[in-house]
PDB file of N, CA and C in Angstrom:
ATOM      1  N   MET A   1     -18.160 -33.962  -1.109  1.00  0.00           N
ATOM      2  CA  MET A   1     -18.050 -32.873   0.067  1.00  0.00           C
ATOM      3  C   MET A   1     -19.979 -32.423  -0.537  1.00  0.00           C
ATOM      4  N   THR A   2     -20.467 -32.187   0.438  1.00  0.00           N
ATOM      5  CA  THR A   2     -22.293 -31.826  -0.264  1.00  0.00           C
ATOM      6  C   THR A   2     -21.911 -30.012  -0.364  1.00  0.00           C
ATOM      7  N   ARG A   3     -23.077 -30.076  -1.225  1.00  0.00           N
ATOM      8  CA  ARG A   3     -23.320 -28.575  -1.641  1.00  0.00           C
ATOM      9  C   ARG A   3     -23.006 -27.672  -0.525  1.00  0.00           C
ATOM     10  N   THR A   4     -23.784 -27.701   0.448  1.00  0.00           N
ATOM     11  CA  THR A   4     -23.547 -26.847   1.340  1.00  0.00           C
ATOM     12  C   THR A   4     -21.907 -26.125   2.321  1.00  0.00           C
ATOM     13  N   THR A   5     -21.468 -27.762   2.381  1.00  0.00           N
ATOM     14  CA  THR A   5     -20.234 -27.779   2.583  1.00  0.00           C
ATOM     15  C   THR A   5     -19.232 -26.591   1.401  1.00  0.00           C
ATOM     16  N   GLY A   6     -19.297 -26.845   0.247  1.00  0.00           N
ATOM     17  CA  GLY A   6     -18.807 -26.559  -0.815  1.00  0.00           C
ATOM     18  C   GLY A   6     -19.288 -24.604  -0.973  1.00  0.00           C
ATOM     19  N   THR A   7     -20.223 -24.628  -0.601  1.00  0.00           N
ATOM     20  CA  THR A   7     -20.932 -22.671  -0.419  1.00  0.00           C
ATOM     21  C   THR A   7     -19.807 -22.173   0.450  1.00  0.00           C
ATOM     22  N   ILE A   8     -19.718 -22.881   1.887  1.00  0.00           N
ATOM     23  CA  ILE A   8     -19.569 -22.171   2.921  1.00  0.00           C
ATOM     24  C   ILE A   8     -17.947 -22.273   2.965  1.00  0.00           C
ATOM     25  N   LEU A   9     -17.237 -23.516   2.029  1.00  0.00           N
ATOM     26  CA  LEU A   9     -15.960 -23.440   1.866  1.00  0.00           C
ATOM     27  C   LEU A   9     -15.503 -21.816   0.892  1.00  0.00           C
ATOM     28  N   LEU A  10     -16.114 -21.784  -0.210  1.00  0.00           N
ATOM     29  CA  LEU A  10     -15.988 -20.501  -1.410  1.00  0.00           C
ATOM     30  C   LEU A  10     -16.430 -19.451  -0.597  1.00  0.00           C
ATOM     31  N   ALA A  11     -17.456 -19.200   0.058  1.00  0.00           N
ATOM     32  CA  ALA A  11     -17.143 -17.369   0.833  1.00  0.00           C
ATOM     33  C   ALA A  11     -16.487 -17.615   2.090  1.00  0.00           C
ATOM     34  N   LEU A  12     -15.260 -18.829   2.681  1.00  0.00           N
ATOM     35  CA  LEU A  12     -14.712 -18.639   3.571  1.00  0.00           C
ATOM     36  C   LEU A  12     -13.639 -17.859   2.733  1.00  0.00           C
ATOM     37  N   MET A  13     -13.418 -18.448   1.333  1.00  0.00           N
ATOM     38  CA  MET A  13     -12.523 -18.170   0.896  1.00  0.00           C
ATOM     39  C   MET A  13     -12.306 -16.613   0.545  1.00  0.00           C
ATOM     40  N   LEU A  14     -13.315 -16.056   0.144  1.00  0.00           N
ATOM     41  CA  LEU A  14     -13.874 -15.071  -0.645  1.00  0.00           C
ATOM     42  C   LEU A  14     -13.749 -13.622   0.561  1.00  0.00           C
ATOM     43  N   VAL A  15     -14.178 -14.252   1.640  1.00  0.00           N
ATOM     44  CA  VAL A  15     -14.250 -13.247   2.638  1.00  0.00           C
ATOM     45  C   VAL A  15     -12.666 -12.775   2.948  1.00  0.00           C
ATOM     46  N   GLY A  16     -11.344 -13.450   3.152  1.00  0.00           N
ATOM     47  CA  GLY A  16     -10.130 -14.108   3.628  1.00  0.00           C
ATOM     48  C   GLY A  16      -9.277 -13.516   2.409  1.00  0.00           C
ATOM     49  N   CYS A  17      -9.786 -12.573   1.650  1.00  0.00           N
ATOM     50  CA  CYS A  17      -8.911 -12.104   0.472  1.00  0.00           C
ATOM     51  C   CYS A  17      -8.087 -11.450   0.546  1.00  0.00           C
ATOM     52  N   ALA A  18      -7.085 -10.932   0.195  1.00  0.00           N
ATOM     53  CA  ALA A  18      -6.373  -9.527  -0.224  1.00  0.00           C
ATOM     54  C   ALA A  18      -5.964  -9.782  -1.487  1.00  0.00           C
ATOM     55  N   TYR A  19      -5.272  -8.741  -1.925  1.00  0.00           N
ATOM     56  CA  TYR A  19      -4.556  -8.705  -3.495  1.00  0.00           C
ATOM     57  C   TYR A  19      -3.805  -7.728  -3.464  1.00  0.00           C
ATOM     58  N   SER A  20      -2.416  -7.607  -3.781  1.00  0.00           N
ATOM     59  CA  SER A  20      -1.344  -6.592  -4.037  1.00  0.00           C
ATOM     60  C   SER A  20      -1.034  -6.417  -5.270  1.00  0.00           C
ATOM     61  N   SER A  21      -0.429  -5.270  -5.840  1.00  0.00           N
ATOM     62  CA  SER A  21      -0.375  -5.318  -7.433  1.00  0.00           C
ATOM     63  C   SER A  21       0.819  -5.437  -7.841  1.00  0.00           C
ATOM     64  N   GLY A  22       1.876  -5.705  -6.208  1.00  0.00           N
ATOM     65  CA  GLY A  22       3.021  -6.382  -6.439  1.00  0.00           C
ATOM     66  C   GLY A  22       3.511  -4.697  -6.194  1.00  0.00           C
ATOM     67  N   VAL A  23       5.412  -4.412  -6.175  1.00  0.00           N
ATOM     68  CA  VAL A  23       5.789  -3.333  -6.396  1.00  0.00           C
ATOM     69  C   VAL A  23       5.718  -3.380  -7.905  1.00  0.00           C
ATOM     70  N   LEU A  24       5.566  -1.414  -8.105  1.00  0.00           N
ATOM     71  CA  LEU A  24       5.968  -1.040  -9.592  1.00  0.00           C
ATOM     72  C   LEU A  24       6.765   0.332  -9.634  1.00  0.00           C
ATOM     73  N   LYS A  25       7.693  -0.216 -10.238  1.00  0.00           N
ATOM     74  CA  LYS A  25       9.153   1.084 -10.426  1.00  0.00           C
ATOM     75  C   LYS A  25       8.346   2.413 -11.093  1.00  0.00           C
ATOM     76  N   MET A  26       8.483   3.272 -10.393  1.00  0.00           N
ATOM     77  CA  MET A  26       8.227   4.483 -10.947  1.00  0.00           C
ATOM     78  C   MET A  26       9.030   5.400 -11.538  1.00  0.00           C
ATOM     79  N   GLY A  27      10.378   4.939 -11.170  1.00  0.00           N
ATOM     80  CA  GLY A  27      11.542   6.108 -11.689  1.00  0.00           C
ATOM     81  C   GLY A  27      12.607   5.284 -10.687  1.00  0.00           C
ATOM     82  N   PRO A  28      14.072   5.793 -11.020  1.00  0.00           N
ATOM     83  CA  PRO A  28      15.121   4.846 -10.195  1.00  0.00           C
ATOM     84  C   PRO A  28      15.289   4.791  -9.343  1.00  0.00           C
ATOM     85  N   ASP A  29      14.550   5.112  -8.063  1.00  0.00           N
ATOM     86  CA  ASP A  29      14.431   4.627  -6.869  1.00  0.00           C
ATOM     87  C   ASP A  29      13.216   4.760  -5.659  1.00  0.00           C
ATOM     88  N   THR A  30      11.818   5.058  -7.032  1.00  0.00           N
ATOM     89  CA  THR A  30      10.768   5.248  -6.451  1.00  0.00           C
ATOM     90  C   THR A  30       9.757   4.247  -7.416  1.00  0.00           C
ATOM     91  N   TYR A  31       8.858   3.534  -6.025  1.00  0.00           N
ATOM     92  CA  TYR A  31       7.997   2.739  -6.383  1.00  0.00           C
ATOM     93  C   TYR A  31       6.659   2.824  -5.822  1.00  0.00           C
ATOM     94  N   SER A  32       5.813   2.258  -6.255  1.00  0.00           N
ATOM     95  CA  SER A  32       4.499   2.757  -5.813  1.00  0.00           C
ATOM     96  C   SER A  32       3.740   0.870  -5.413  1.00  0.00           C
ATOM     97  N   ILE A  33       2.951   0.652  -4.796  1.00  0.00           N
ATOM     98  CA  ILE A  33       2.650  -0.871  -4.473  1.00  0.00           C
ATOM     99  C   ILE A  33       0.874  -0.437  -4.282  1.00  0.00           C
ATOM    100  N   ARG A  34      -0.157  -0.620  -4.070  1.00  0.00           N
ATOM    101  CA  ARG A  34      -1.656  -1.064  -4.203  1.00  0.00           C
ATOM    102  C   ARG A  34      -2.162  -2.434  -3.479  1.00  0.00           C
ATOM    103  N   VAL A  35      -2.682  -2.364  -2.438  1.00  0.00           N
ATOM    104  CA  VAL A  35      -2.856  -3.530  -1.213  1.00  0.00           C
ATOM    105  C   VAL A  35      -3.960  -3.434  -1.329  1.00  0.00           C
ATOM    106  N   GLN A  36      -5.362  -4.197  -1.626  1.00  0.00           N
ATOM    107  CA  GLN A  36      -6.718  -4.424  -1.234  1.00  0.00           C
ATOM    108  C   GLN A  36      -6.887  -5.912  -0.438  1.00  0.00           C
ATOM    109  N   ALA A  37      -7.658  -5.379   1.236  1.00  0.00           N
ATOM    110  CA  ALA A  37      -7.371  -6.384   1.974  1.00  0.00           C
ATOM    111  C   ALA A  37      -9.205  -6.397   2.570  1.00  0.00           C
ATOM    112  N   SER A  38      -9.487  -7.895   2.188  1.00  0.00           N
ATOM    113  CA  SER A  38     -11.068  -8.093   2.842  1.00  0.00           C
ATOM    114  C   SER A  38     -11.215  -7.594   4.078  1.00  0.00           C
ATOM    115  N   SER A  39     -12.245  -7.393   4.899  1.00  0.00           N
ATOM    116  CA  SER A  39     -12.333  -6.701   6.535  1.00  0.00           C
ATOM    117  C   SER A  39     -11.693  -7.604   7.180  1.00  0.00           C
ATOM    118  N   ALA A  40     -11.707  -9.570   6.922  1.00  0.00           N
ATOM    119  CA  ALA A  40     -11.270 -10.561   7.697  1.00  0.00           C
ATOM    120  C   ALA A  40      -9.831 -10.278   7.876  1.00  0.00           C
ATOM    121  N   ARG A  41      -9.200  -9.485   6.276  1.00  0.00           N
ATOM    122  CA  ARG A  41      -7.723  -9.952   6.718  1.00  0.00           C
ATOM    123  C   ARG A  41      -7.212  -8.339   7.170  1.00  0.00           C
ATOM    124  N   GLY A  42      -8.304  -7.746   7.803  1.00  0.00           N
ATOM    125  CA  GLY A  42      -7.752  -6.558   8.475  1.00  0.00           C
ATOM    126  C   GLY A  42      -8.578  -5.377   7.341  1.00  0.00           C
ATOM    127  N   GLY A  43      -9.076  -5.140   6.228  1.00  0.00           N
ATOM    128  CA  GLY A  43      -9.226  -4.162   5.924  1.00  0.00           C
ATOM    129  C   GLY A  43      -8.287  -3.062   5.735  1.00  0.00           C
ATOM    130  N   VAL A  44      -8.521  -1.788   5.595  1.00  0.00           N
ATOM    131  CA  VAL A  44      -7.059  -1.035   5.690  1.00  0.00           C
ATOM    132  C   VAL A  44      -5.917  -1.132   6.359  1.00  0.00           C
ATOM    133  N   ALA A  45      -5.939  -1.406   7.887  1.00  0.00           N
ATOM    134  CA  ALA A  45      -5.132  -1.529   8.307  1.00  0.00           C
ATOM    135  C   ALA A  45      -4.233  -2.790   8.325  1.00  0.00           C
ATOM    136  N   GLY A  46      -4.868  -3.866   7.691  1.00  0.00           N
ATOM    137  CA  GLY A  46      -4.296  -5.129   7.053  1.00  0.00           C
ATOM    138  C   GLY A  46      -3.816  -4.555   6.093  1.00  0.00           C
ATOM    139  N   ALA A  47      -4.602  -3.990   5.012  1.00  0.00           N
ATOM    140  CA  ALA A  47      -3.895  -3.443   3.533  1.00  0.00           C
ATOM    141  C   ALA A  47      -2.521  -2.602   4.159  1.00  0.00           C
ATOM    142  N   LYS A  48      -2.534  -1.353   4.521  1.00  0.00           N
ATOM    143  CA  LYS A  48      -1.454  -0.933   4.908  1.00  0.00           C
ATOM    144  C   LYS A  48      -0.219  -1.901   5.463  1.00  0.00           C
ATOM    145  N   ARG A  49      -0.433  -2.571   6.541  1.00  0.00           N
ATOM    146  CA  ARG A  49       0.589  -3.575   6.662  1.00  0.00           C
ATOM    147  C   ARG A  49       1.376  -4.436   5.847  1.00  0.00           C
ATOM    148  N   MET A  50       0.014  -4.589   4.949  1.00  0.00           N
ATOM    149  CA  MET A  50       1.011  -5.688   3.976  1.00  0.00           C
ATOM    150  C   MET A  50       1.955  -4.522   2.792  1.00  0.00           C
ATOM    151  N   ALA A  51       1.065  -3.901   2.600  1.00  0.00           N
ATOM    152  CA  ALA A  51       2.241  -2.633   1.687  1.00  0.00           C
ATOM    153  C   ALA A  51       3.076  -2.399   2.089  1.00  0.00           C
ATOM    154  N   TYR A  52       3.291  -2.037   3.322  1.00  0.00           N
ATOM    155  CA  TYR A  52       4.763  -1.852   3.906  1.00  0.00           C
ATOM    156  C   TYR A  52       5.819  -2.672   4.043  1.00  0.00           C
ATOM    157  N   GLU A  53       5.133  -4.253   4.189  1.00  0.00           N
ATOM    158  CA  GLU A  53       6.127  -5.046   4.761  1.00  0.00           C
ATOM    159  C   GLU A  53       6.629  -5.457   2.896  1.00  0.00           C
ATOM    160  N   GLU A  54       5.839  -5.601   1.642  1.00  0.00           N
ATOM    161  CA  GLU A  54       5.714  -5.788   0.591  1.00  0.00           C
ATOM    162  C   GLU A  54       6.899  -4.287   0.263  1.00  0.00           C
ATOM    163  N   ALA A  55       6.912  -2.988   0.716  1.00  0.00           N
ATOM    164  CA  ALA A  55       7.795  -2.160   0.457  1.00  0.00           C
ATOM    165  C   ALA A  55       9.134  -2.333   0.711  1.00  0.00           C
ATOM    166  N   ARG A  56       8.864  -2.788   2.386  1.00  0.00           N
ATOM    167  CA  ARG A  56      10.092  -3.148   2.699  1.00  0.00           C
ATOM    168  C   ARG A  56      10.968  -4.126   2.358  1.00  0.00           C
ATOM    169  N   GLU A  57      10.642  -5.433   1.707  1.00  0.00           N
ATOM    170  CA  GLU A  57      11.071  -6.324   1.371  1.00  0.00           C
ATOM    171  C   GLU A  57      11.946  -6.145  -0.361  1.00  0.00           C
ATOM    172  N   GLU A  58      11.212  -5.293  -1.118  1.00  0.00           N
ATOM    173  CA  GLU A  58      11.867  -4.708  -1.497  1.00  0.00           C
ATOM    174  C   GLU A  58      13.276  -3.746  -1.792  1.00  0.00           C
ATOM    175  N   CYS A  59      13.124  -3.370  -1.085  1.00  0.00           N
ATOM    176  CA  CYS A  59      14.418  -2.033  -0.541  1.00  0.00           C
ATOM    177  C   CYS A  59      15.036  -2.582   0.020  1.00  0.00           C
ATOM    178  N   THR A  60      14.751  -3.926   1.047  1.00  0.00           N
ATOM    179  CA  THR A  60      15.628  -4.627   2.108  1.00  0.00           C
ATOM    180  C   THR A  60      16.568  -5.914   0.685  1.00  0.00           C
ATOM    181  N   LYS A  61      16.110  -5.974  -0.562  1.00  0.00           N
ATOM    182  CA  LYS A  61      16.724  -7.087  -1.267  1.00  0.00           C
ATOM    183  C   LYS A  61      17.922  -6.206  -2.008  1.00  0.00           C
ATOM    184  N   SER A  62      17.860  -5.022  -1.903  1.00  0.00           N
ATOM    185  CA  SER A  62      19.352  -4.376  -2.955  1.00  0.00           C
ATOM    186  C   SER A  62      20.008  -3.406  -1.973  1.00  0.00           C
ATOM    187  N   GLY A  63      19.877  -4.143  -0.345  1.00  0.00           N
ATOM    188  CA  GLY A  63      20.602  -3.275   0.867  1.00  0.00           C
ATOM    189  C   GLY A  63      20.132  -2.035   1.222  1.00  0.00           C
ATOM    190  N   ARG A  64      18.951  -1.260   0.663  1.00  0.00           N
ATOM    191  CA  ARG A  64      18.247  -0.365   0.915  1.00  0.00           C
ATOM    192  C   ARG A  64      17.489   0.220   1.943  1.00  0.00           C
ATOM    193  N   GLU A  65      17.432   1.180   2.307  1.00  0.00           N
ATOM    194  CA  GLU A  65      16.046   1.857   3.101  1.00  0.00           C
ATOM    195  C   GLU A  65      14.761   2.151   2.787  1.00  0.00           C
ATOM    196  N   MET A  66      13.512   1.780   3.260  1.00  0.00           N
ATOM    197  CA  MET A  66      12.708   2.404   2.771  1.00  0.00           C
ATOM    198  C   MET A  66      12.344   4.064   3.108  1.00  0.00           C
ATOM    199  N   LEU A  67      11.900   4.727   2.423  1.00  0.00           N
ATOM    200  CA  LEU A  67      11.489   6.192   2.723  1.00  0.00           C
ATOM    201  C   LEU A  67       9.797   6.212   2.036  1.00  0.00           C
ATOM    202  N   VAL A  68       8.669   6.220   2.948  1.00  0.00           N
ATOM    203  CA  VAL A  68       7.362   6.266   2.495  1.00  0.00           C
ATOM    204  C   VAL A  68       7.387   7.721   1.779  1.00  0.00           C
ATOM    205  N   VAL A  69       6.878   8.151   0.759  1.00  0.00           N
ATOM    206  CA  VAL A  69       6.645   9.784   0.162  1.00  0.00           C
ATOM    207  C   VAL A  69       5.404   9.849   0.358  1.00  0.00           C
ATOM    208  N   ASN A  70       4.539   8.752   0.040  1.00  0.00           N
ATOM    209  CA  ASN A  70       3.109   9.456  -0.168  1.00  0.00           C
ATOM    210  C   ASN A  70       2.051   7.921   0.231  1.00  0.00           C
ATOM    211  N   GLU A  71       0.801   8.417   0.898  1.00  0.00           N
ATOM    212  CA  GLU A  71       0.307   7.338   1.359  1.00  0.00           C
ATOM    213  C   GLU A  71      -1.524   7.637   0.887  1.00  0.00           C
ATOM    214  N   ARG A  72      -2.039   6.606   0.411  1.00  0.00           N
ATOM    215  CA  ARG A  72      -3.455   6.705   0.441  1.00  0.00           C
ATOM    216  C   ARG A  72      -4.237   6.045   1.157  1.00  0.00           C
ATOM    217  N   PHE A  73      -5.274   5.670   1.401  1.00  0.00           N
ATOM    218  CA  PHE A  73      -6.383   4.843   2.441  1.00  0.00           C
ATOM    219  C   PHE A  73      -7.398   5.485   1.828  1.00  0.00           C
ATOM    220  N   THR A  74      -8.231   3.793   1.440  1.00  0.00           N
ATOM    221  CA  THR A  74      -9.309   3.898   1.003  1.00  0.00           C
ATOM    222  C   THR A  74     -10.598   3.256   1.458  1.00  0.00           C
ATOM    223  N   GLN A  75     -10.798   3.583   2.509  1.00  0.00           N
ATOM    224  CA  GLN A  75     -11.728   2.704   3.803  1.00  0.00           C
ATOM    225  C   GLN A  75     -13.178   1.801   2.740  1.00  0.00           C
ATOM    226  N   THR A  76     -13.559   2.306   1.976  1.00  0.00           N
ATOM    227  CA  THR A  76     -14.843   0.991   1.581  1.00  0.00           C
ATOM    228  C   THR A  76     -14.108   0.342   1.153  1.00  0.00           C
ATOM    229  N   ARG A  77     -12.950   0.303   0.551  1.00  0.00           N
ATOM    230  CA  ARG A  77     -12.243  -0.587  -0.709  1.00  0.00           C
ATOM    231  C   ARG A  77     -11.243  -1.693   0.173  1.00  0.00           C
ATOM    232  N   GLY A  78     -10.970  -0.985   1.242  1.00  0.00           N
ATOM    233  CA  GLY A  78      -9.616  -1.691   2.181  1.00  0.00           C
ATOM    234  C   GLY A  78      -8.666  -2.067   1.828  1.00  0.00           C
ATOM    235  N   ALA A  79      -8.304  -0.351   0.820  1.00  0.00           N
ATOM    236  CA  ALA A  79      -7.138  -0.369  -0.114  1.00  0.00           C
ATOM    237  C   ALA A  79      -6.174   0.621   1.003  1.00  0.00           C
ATOM    238  N   ALA A  80      -4.838   0.803   0.204  1.00  0.00           N
ATOM    239  CA  ALA A  80      -3.822   1.409   0.789  1.00  0.00           C
ATOM    240  C   ALA A  80      -2.852   1.545  -0.586  1.00  0.00           C
ATOM    241  N   ASP A  81      -2.576   2.655  -0.567  1.00  0.00           N
ATOM    242  CA  ASP A  81      -1.589   2.954  -2.033  1.00  0.00           C
ATOM    243  C   ASP A  81      -0.711   3.525  -1.427  1.00  0.00           C
ATOM    244  N   VAL A  82       0.665   3.170  -1.295  1.00  0.00           N
ATOM    245  CA  VAL A  82       1.761   3.640  -0.582  1.00  0.00           C
ATOM    246  C   VAL A  82       2.356   4.061  -2.188  1.00  0.00           C
ATOM    247  N   THR A  83       3.535   5.489  -2.123  1.00  0.00           N
ATOM    248  CA  THR A  83       4.672   5.682  -2.456  1.00  0.00           C
ATOM    249  C   THR A  83       5.644   5.514  -1.789  1.00  0.00           C
ATOM    250  N   PHE A  84       7.015   4.856  -2.360  1.00  0.00           N
ATOM    251  CA  PHE A  84       8.116   5.148  -1.575  1.00  0.00           C
ATOM    252  C   PHE A  84       9.456   4.802  -1.890  1.00  0.00           C
ATOM    253  N   ARG A  85      10.260   5.305  -1.449  1.00  0.00           N
ATOM    254  CA  ARG A  85      11.769   5.296  -2.454  1.00  0.00           C
ATOM    255  C   ARG A  85      12.601   4.377  -1.519  1.00  0.00           C
ATOM    256  N   CYS A  86      13.918   3.657  -2.437  1.00  0.00           N
ATOM    257  CA  CYS A  86      14.550   3.131  -1.721  1.00  0.00           C
ATOM    258  C   CYS A  86      15.566   3.347  -1.986  1.00  0.00           C
ATOM    259  N   LEU A  87      16.530   4.269  -0.433  1.00  0.00           N
ATOM    260  CA  LEU A  87      17.497   5.371  -0.632  1.00  0.00           C
ATOM    261  C   LEU A  87      18.766   4.244   0.073  1.00  0.00           C
ATOM    262  N   ALA A  88      20.455   4.276  -0.158  1.00  0.00           N
ATOM    263  CA  ALA A  88      21.195   4.233   0.518  1.00  0.00           C
ATOM    264  C   ALA A  88      20.944   4.564   1.721  1.00  0.00           C
ATOM    265  N   ARG A  89      21.538   3.448   2.807  1.00  0.00           N
ATOM    266  CA  ARG A  89      21.683   4.036   4.602  1.00  0.00           C
ATOM    267  C   ARG A  89      21.809   5.285   4.541  1.00  0.00           C
ATOM    268  N   ASP A  90      22.719   5.637   3.902  1.00  0.00           N
ATOM    269  CA  ASP A  90      24.042   7.343   3.709  1.00  0.00           C
ATOM    270  C   ASP A  90      23.170   8.354   3.229  1.00  0.00           C
ATOM    271  N   ASP A  91      21.745   7.984   2.843  1.00  0.00           N
ATOM    272  CA  ASP A  91      21.383   9.299   1.464  1.00  0.00           C
ATOM    273  C   ASP A  91      21.070  10.256   2.817  1.00  0.00           C
ATOM    274  N   PRO A  92      20.829  11.325   2.423  1.00  0.00           N
ATOM    275  CA  PRO A  92      20.818  12.296   3.385  1.00  0.00           C
ATOM    276  C   PRO A  92      19.048  12.338   3.845  1.00  0.00           C
ATOM    277  N   GLU A  93      18.354  12.305   2.941  1.00  0.00           N
ATOM    278  CA  GLU A  93      16.689  12.385   3.099  1.00  0.00           C
ATOM    279  C   GLU A  93      16.250  11.206   3.755  1.00  0.00           C
ATOM    280  N   LEU A  94      16.862  10.568   4.609  1.00  0.00           N
ATOM    281  CA  LEU A  94      16.601   8.987   5.599  1.00  0.00           C
ATOM    282  C   LEU A  94      16.897   9.826   6.604  1.00  0.00           C
ATOM    283  N   SER A  95      17.541  11.265   7.114  1.00  0.00           N
ATOM    284  CA  SER A  95      17.862  12.150   8.200  1.00  0.00           C
ATOM    285  C   SER A  95      16.858  12.791   8.381  1.00  0.00           C
ATOM    286  N   THR A  96      15.802  12.963   7.126  1.00  0.00           N
ATOM    287  CA  THR A  96      14.924  14.352   7.779  1.00  0.00           C
ATOM    288  C   THR A  96      13.689  13.205   7.897  1.00  0.00           C
ATOM    289  N   ARG A  97      12.708  14.111   8.921  1.00  0.00           N
ATOM    290  CA  ARG A  97      11.324  13.019   9.315  1.00  0.00           C
ATOM    291  C   ARG A  97      10.214  13.395   8.382  1.00  0.00           C
ATOM    292  N   PRO A  98      10.248  12.747   7.869  1.00  0.00           N
ATOM    293  CA  PRO A  98       8.850  13.010   6.428  1.00  0.00           C
ATOM    294  C   PRO A  98       7.632  12.997   7.152  1.00  0.00           C
ATOM    295  N   ARG A  99       6.778  14.366   6.105  1.00  0.00           N
ATOM    296  CA  ARG A  99       5.733  15.218   6.756  1.00  0.00           C
ATOM    297  C   ARG A  99       4.728  14.369   5.750  1.00  0.00           C
ATOM    298  N   TYR A 100       3.688  13.786   5.879  1.00  0.00           N
ATOM    299  CA  TYR A 100       2.746  13.361   5.575  1.00  0.00           C
ATOM    300  C   TYR A 100       1.085  13.717   5.655  1.00  0.00           C
ATOM    301  N   ARG A 101       1.434  14.481   4.393  1.00  0.00           N
ATOM    302  CA  ARG A 101      -0.010  15.077   4.329  1.00  0.00           C
ATOM    303  C   ARG A 101      -1.222  14.032   3.213  1.00  0.00           C
ATOM    304  N   GLU A 102      -1.964  13.983   3.652  1.00  0.00           N
ATOM    305  CA  GLU A 102      -3.165  13.176   2.646  1.00  0.00           C
ATOM    306  C   GLU A 102      -3.478  13.829   1.447  1.00  0.00           C
ATOM    307  N   ARG A 103      -3.253  13.545   0.602  1.00  0.00           N
ATOM    308  CA  ARG A 103      -4.332  14.271  -0.663  1.00  0.00           C
ATOM    309  C   ARG A 103      -5.300  14.399  -0.923  1.00  0.00           C
ATOM    310  N   PRO A 104      -6.148  15.181  -1.088  1.00  0.00           N
ATOM    311  CA  PRO A 104      -7.673  15.686  -1.276  1.00  0.00           C
ATOM    312  C   PRO A 104      -8.244  14.844  -2.275  1.00  0.00           C
ATOM    313  N   ASP A 105      -9.651  14.643  -2.067  1.00  0.00           N
ATOM    314  CA  ASP A 105     -10.087  13.387  -2.728  1.00  0.00           C
ATOM    315  C   ASP A 105     -10.663  14.480  -4.246  1.00  0.00           C
ATOM    316  N   VAL A 106     -10.741  15.596  -3.508  1.00  0.00           N
ATOM    317  CA  VAL A 106     -11.484  16.764  -4.207  1.00  0.00           C
ATOM    318  C   VAL A 106     -10.373  18.045  -4.589  1.00  0.00           C
ATOM    319  N   ILE A 107     -10.011  19.223  -5.290  1.00  0.00           N
ATOM    320  CA  ILE A 107      -9.419  20.290  -5.502  1.00  0.00           C
ATOM    321  C   ILE A 107     -10.165  21.129  -6.117  1.00  0.00           C
ATOM    322  N   ILE A 108     -10.233  22.527  -5.879  1.00  0.00           N
ATOM    323  CA  ILE A 108     -10.742  23.266  -6.375  1.00  0.00           C
ATOM    324  C   ILE A 108     -10.244  24.228  -6.851  1.00  0.00           C
ATOM    325  N   GLN A 109     -10.437  24.837  -7.912  1.00  0.00           N
ATOM    326  CA  GLN A 109      -9.042  25.335  -8.741  1.00  0.00           C
ATOM    327  C   GLN A 109      -9.285  26.538  -9.212  1.00  0.00           C
ATOM    328  N   ASP A 110      -9.101  28.161  -8.486  1.00  0.00           N
ATOM    329  CA  ASP A 110      -9.872  29.123  -9.010  1.00  0.00           C
ATOM    330  C   ASP A 110      -9.120  29.375 -10.441  1.00  0.00           C
ATOM    331  N   GLU A 111      -9.802  29.460 -11.759  1.00  0.00           N
ATOM    332  CA  GLU A 111      -9.095  29.987 -12.521  1.00  0.00           C
ATOM    333  C   GLU A 111      -9.325  31.241 -13.508  1.00  0.00           C
ATOM    334  N   ARG A 112      -9.874  32.025 -12.316  1.00  0.00           N
ATOM    335  CA  ARG A 112     -10.072  33.428 -12.761  1.00  0.00           C
ATOM    336  C   ARG A 112      -8.826  34.587 -12.810  1.00  0.00           C
ATOM    337  N   LYS A 113      -8.821  35.368 -13.765  1.00  0.00           N
ATOM    338  CA  LYS A 113      -7.469  36.106 -13.529  1.00  0.00           C
ATOM    339  C   LYS A 113      -7.999  37.381 -13.672  1.00  0.00           C
TER     340      LYS A 113
END
């Protein structure tokens, strides 16, 4: 293999990268996952898709349904952070529609009394 071919292969491997933290347990039925994807893997949209797929797989393993609690995306890093719960199919929480609100990057708190 020539040096140029090796350089091109290395560049292609780096461009097509995606990283997942894996599913992390936060509580009895609450989990989180962080996925980063390069632009070649879809950036934020690709990271979100991969995170949701891994989350759904985690819940399906235990015969439960996934309910997303929170999600946050970072455009510059192509990252998706998803917090979710794995609930029994008859859990009443699954019958309510989730309301997502993006967490602000900055919180201004007035502590005057």
